């Protein structure tokens, strides 16, 4: 069983998404399977975007500290 998109690393999600795109571009996937792959792809994109947003927030926090020995501060998440 495939992992939930949010449980994959960014790199794993990107690799799986590339595979889905390749399969869909070939055009020989039955409609029902294509829809499932498209739905999975949307989940992967959303989870990856969330990870990128979080990384950007961490970079901003570090940049604001302006210190070479700055550590990451926890950033409140919306849940």
C-alpha atoms as a PDB file:
ATOM      1  CA  UNK A   1       0.000   0.000   0.000  1.00  0.00           C
ATOM      2  CA  UNK A   2       1.299   3.443  -0.919  1.00  0.00           C
ATOM      3  CA  UNK A   3       2.276   5.861   1.804  1.00  0.00           C
ATOM      4  CA  UNK A   4       0.156   8.931   2.369  1.00  0.00           C
ATOM      5  CA  UNK A   5       1.627  11.912   0.492  1.00  0.00           C
ATOM      6  CA  UNK A   6       2.314  13.795   3.722  1.00  0.00           C
ATOM      7  CA  UNK A   7       4.409  10.866   4.999  1.00  0.00           C
ATOM      8  CA  UNK A   8       6.750  10.896   1.995  1.00  0.00           C
ATOM      9  CA  UNK A   9       9.894  12.969   1.826  1.00  0.00           C
ATOM     10  CA  UNK A  10       9.839  15.811  -0.680  1.00  0.00           C
ATOM     11  CA  UNK A  11      12.159  13.837  -2.963  1.00  0.00           C
ATOM     12  CA  UNK A  12      10.037  10.676  -2.768  1.00  0.00           C
ATOM     13  CA  UNK A  13       6.877  12.644  -3.576  1.00  0.00           C
ATOM     14  CA  UNK A  14       8.553  14.351  -6.532  1.00  0.00           C
ATOM     15  CA  UNK A  15       9.819  11.035  -7.902  1.00  0.00           C
ATOM     16  CA  UNK A  16       6.376   9.441  -7.628  1.00  0.00           C
ATOM     17  CA  UNK A  17       4.760  12.478  -9.222  1.00  0.00           C
ATOM     18  CA  UNK A  18       7.187  12.279 -12.160  1.00  0.00           C
ATOM     19  CA  UNK A  19       6.223   8.624 -12.619  1.00  0.00           C
ATOM     20  CA  UNK A  20       2.519   9.475 -12.627  1.00  0.00           C
ATOM     21  CA  UNK A  21       3.031  12.232 -15.197  1.00  0.00           C
ATOM     22  CA  UNK A  22       4.998   9.885 -17.445  1.00  0.00           C
ATOM     23  CA  UNK A  23       2.260   7.232 -17.283  1.00  0.00           C
ATOM     24  CA  UNK A  24      -0.507   9.741 -17.987  1.00  0.00           C
ATOM     25  CA  UNK A  25       1.416  11.291 -20.887  1.00  0.00           C
ATOM     26  CA  UNK A  26       1.681   7.885 -22.563  1.00  0.00           C
ATOM     27  CA  UNK A  27      -2.105   7.885 -22.821  1.00  0.00           C
ATOM     28  CA  UNK A  28      -2.633   4.139 -22.494  1.00  0.00           C
ATOM     29  CA  UNK A  29      -3.938   4.177 -18.906  1.00  0.00           C
ATOM     30  CA  UNK A  30      -7.621   3.226 -18.482  1.00  0.00           C
ATOM     31  CA  UNK A  31      -9.810   6.180 -17.468  1.00  0.00           C
ATOM     32  CA  UNK A  32     -10.560   4.920 -13.948  1.00  0.00           C
ATOM     33  CA  UNK A  33      -6.871   4.320 -13.222  1.00  0.00           C
ATOM     34  CA  UNK A  34      -5.957   7.684 -14.773  1.00  0.00           C
ATOM     35  CA  UNK A  35      -8.410   9.433 -12.451  1.00  0.00           C
ATOM     36  CA  UNK A  36      -6.940   7.640  -9.427  1.00  0.00           C
ATOM     37  CA  UNK A  37      -3.425   8.590 -10.510  1.00  0.00           C
ATOM     38  CA  UNK A  38      -4.500  12.186 -11.075  1.00  0.00           C
ATOM     39  CA  UNK A  39      -6.024  12.278  -7.584  1.00  0.00           C
ATOM     40  CA  UNK A  40      -2.817  10.831  -6.107  1.00  0.00           C
ATOM     41  CA  UNK A  41      -0.805  13.409  -8.050  1.00  0.00           C
ATOM     42  CA  UNK A  42      -2.866  16.267  -6.626  1.00  0.00           C
ATOM     43  CA  UNK A  43      -2.233  14.938  -3.107  1.00  0.00           C
ATOM     44  CA  UNK A  44       1.492  14.709  -3.813  1.00  0.00           C
ATOM     45  CA  UNK A  45       1.583  18.276  -5.151  1.00  0.00           C
ATOM     46  CA  UNK A  46      -0.260  19.644  -2.121  1.00  0.00           C
ATOM     47  CA  UNK A  47       1.954  17.808   0.366  1.00  0.00           C
ATOM     48  CA  UNK A  48       5.091  18.915  -1.488  1.00  0.00           C
ATOM     49  CA  UNK A  49       3.934  22.537  -1.575  1.00  0.00           C
ATOM     50  CA  UNK A  50       3.298  22.385   2.156  1.00  0.00           C
ATOM     51  CA  UNK A  51       6.834  21.104   2.743  1.00  0.00           C
ATOM     52  CA  UNK A  52       8.262  23.876   0.549  1.00  0.00           C
ATOM     53  CA  UNK A  53       6.238  26.506   2.423  1.00  0.00           C
ATOM     54  CA  UNK A  54       7.514  25.168   5.742  1.00  0.00           C
ATOM     55  CA  UNK A  55      11.113  25.208   4.506  1.00  0.00           C
ATOM     56  CA  UNK A  56      10.675  28.803   3.324  1.00  0.00           C
ATOM     57  CA  UNK A  57       9.380  29.800   6.753  1.00  0.00           C
ATOM     58  CA  UNK A  58      12.406  28.193   8.392  1.00  0.00           C
ATOM     59  CA  UNK A  59      14.752  30.085   6.060  1.00  0.00           C
ATOM     60  CA  UNK A  60      12.984  33.351   6.872  1.00  0.00           C
ATOM     61  CA  UNK A  61      13.297  32.699  10.602  1.00  0.00           C
ATOM     62  CA  UNK A  62      16.994  31.960  10.245  1.00  0.00           C
ATOM     63  CA  UNK A  63      17.522  35.026   8.069  1.00  0.00           C
ATOM     64  CA  UNK A  64      15.784  37.266  10.610  1.00  0.00           C
ATOM     65  CA  UNK A  65      18.040  36.026  13.384  1.00  0.00           C
ATOM     66  CA  UNK A  66      21.025  37.204  11.322  1.00  0.00           C
ATOM     67  CA  UNK A  67      23.452  35.072  13.296  1.00  0.00           C
ATOM     68  CA  UNK A  68      25.767  32.422  11.897  1.00  0.00           C
ATOM     69  CA  UNK A  69      25.021  30.170  14.865  1.00  0.00           C
ATOM     70  CA  UNK A  70      21.246  30.641  14.698  1.00  0.00           C
ATOM     71  CA  UNK A  71      19.076  27.615  15.368  1.00  0.00           C
ATOM     72  CA  UNK A  72      15.652  26.847  14.000  1.00  0.00           C
ATOM     73  CA  UNK A  73      12.775  28.031  16.140  1.00  0.00           C
ATOM     74  CA  UNK A  74       9.583  25.990  16.054  1.00  0.00           C
ATOM     75  CA  UNK A  75       7.041  27.547  13.745  1.00  0.00           C
ATOM     76  CA  UNK A  76       3.380  27.185  14.710  1.00  0.00           C
ATOM     77  CA  UNK A  77       1.491  24.971  12.279  1.00  0.00           C
ATOM     78  CA  UNK A  78      -2.141  25.093  11.328  1.00  0.00           C
ATOM     79  CA  UNK A  79      -3.866  21.848  12.174  1.00  0.00           C
END
